């Protein structure tokens, strides 16, 4: 989260604390329309995979 966003939230009374563990995971597929290919990636810390058909 950008520092400016944290500052604004703090000024509005929010108390922020960073988590002690990863709280998100990502799976993404990039479509290369020009070459007709797919490239995928998955966060290794989470279950699941990126799958393109």
Protein backbone atom coordinates (compact mmCIF):
# COMPACT_ATOMS: atom_id res chain seq x y z
CA UNK A 1 0.00 0.00 0.00
CA UNK A 2 1.48 3.39 -0.93
CA UNK A 3 2.66 5.57 1.96
CA UNK A 4 0.27 8.36 0.93
CA UNK A 5 -2.69 5.99 1.24
CA UNK A 6 -1.52 4.78 4.65
CA UNK A 7 -1.14 8.39 5.80
CA UNK A 8 -4.65 9.32 4.66
CA UNK A 9 -6.17 6.29 6.39
CA UNK A 10 -4.27 7.03 9.61
CA UNK A 11 -5.47 10.65 9.55
CA UNK A 12 -9.04 9.35 9.25
CA UNK A 13 -8.61 7.30 12.42
CA UNK A 14 -7.74 3.88 11.01
CA UNK A 15 -5.11 1.85 12.85
CA UNK A 16 -2.96 -0.10 10.39
CA UNK A 17 -0.84 -3.15 11.17
CA UNK A 18 1.03 -5.26 8.63
CA UNK A 19 0.11 -8.98 8.66
CA UNK A 20 2.59 -11.59 9.86
CA UNK A 21 1.91 -13.78 6.82
CA UNK A 22 0.96 -13.50 3.17
CA UNK A 23 -2.74 -12.69 2.85
CA UNK A 24 -3.12 -12.87 -0.90
CA UNK A 25 -2.20 -15.03 -3.82
CA UNK A 26 -2.23 -14.50 -7.54
CA UNK A 27 -2.92 -16.54 -10.61
CA UNK A 28 -2.58 -14.81 -13.94
CA UNK A 29 -2.71 -15.71 -17.61
CA UNK A 30 -1.26 -13.49 -20.31
CA UNK A 31 -2.82 -13.89 -23.74
CA UNK A 32 -0.54 -13.17 -26.69
CA UNK A 33 -3.16 -12.62 -29.38
CA UNK A 34 -0.55 -11.97 -32.07
CA UNK A 35 1.17 -15.34 -31.64
CA UNK A 36 -1.84 -17.30 -30.36
CA UNK A 37 -0.13 -18.38 -27.13
CA UNK A 38 -0.88 -18.27 -23.41
CA UNK A 39 1.60 -17.77 -20.56
CA UNK A 40 0.57 -18.38 -16.97
CA UNK A 41 1.97 -17.96 -13.48
CA UNK A 42 0.78 -18.89 -10.02
CA UNK A 43 1.89 -17.77 -6.56
CA UNK A 44 3.76 -20.77 -5.14
CA UNK A 45 2.68 -19.90 -1.59
CA UNK A 46 -0.96 -20.74 -2.32
CA UNK A 47 -2.97 -23.70 -3.61
CA UNK A 48 -4.03 -23.74 -7.22
CA UNK A 49 -2.55 -23.01 -10.61
CA UNK A 50 -2.94 -20.78 -13.62
CA UNK A 51 -4.68 -22.71 -16.39
CA UNK A 52 -5.55 -21.53 -19.85
CA UNK A 53 -7.37 -23.66 -22.39
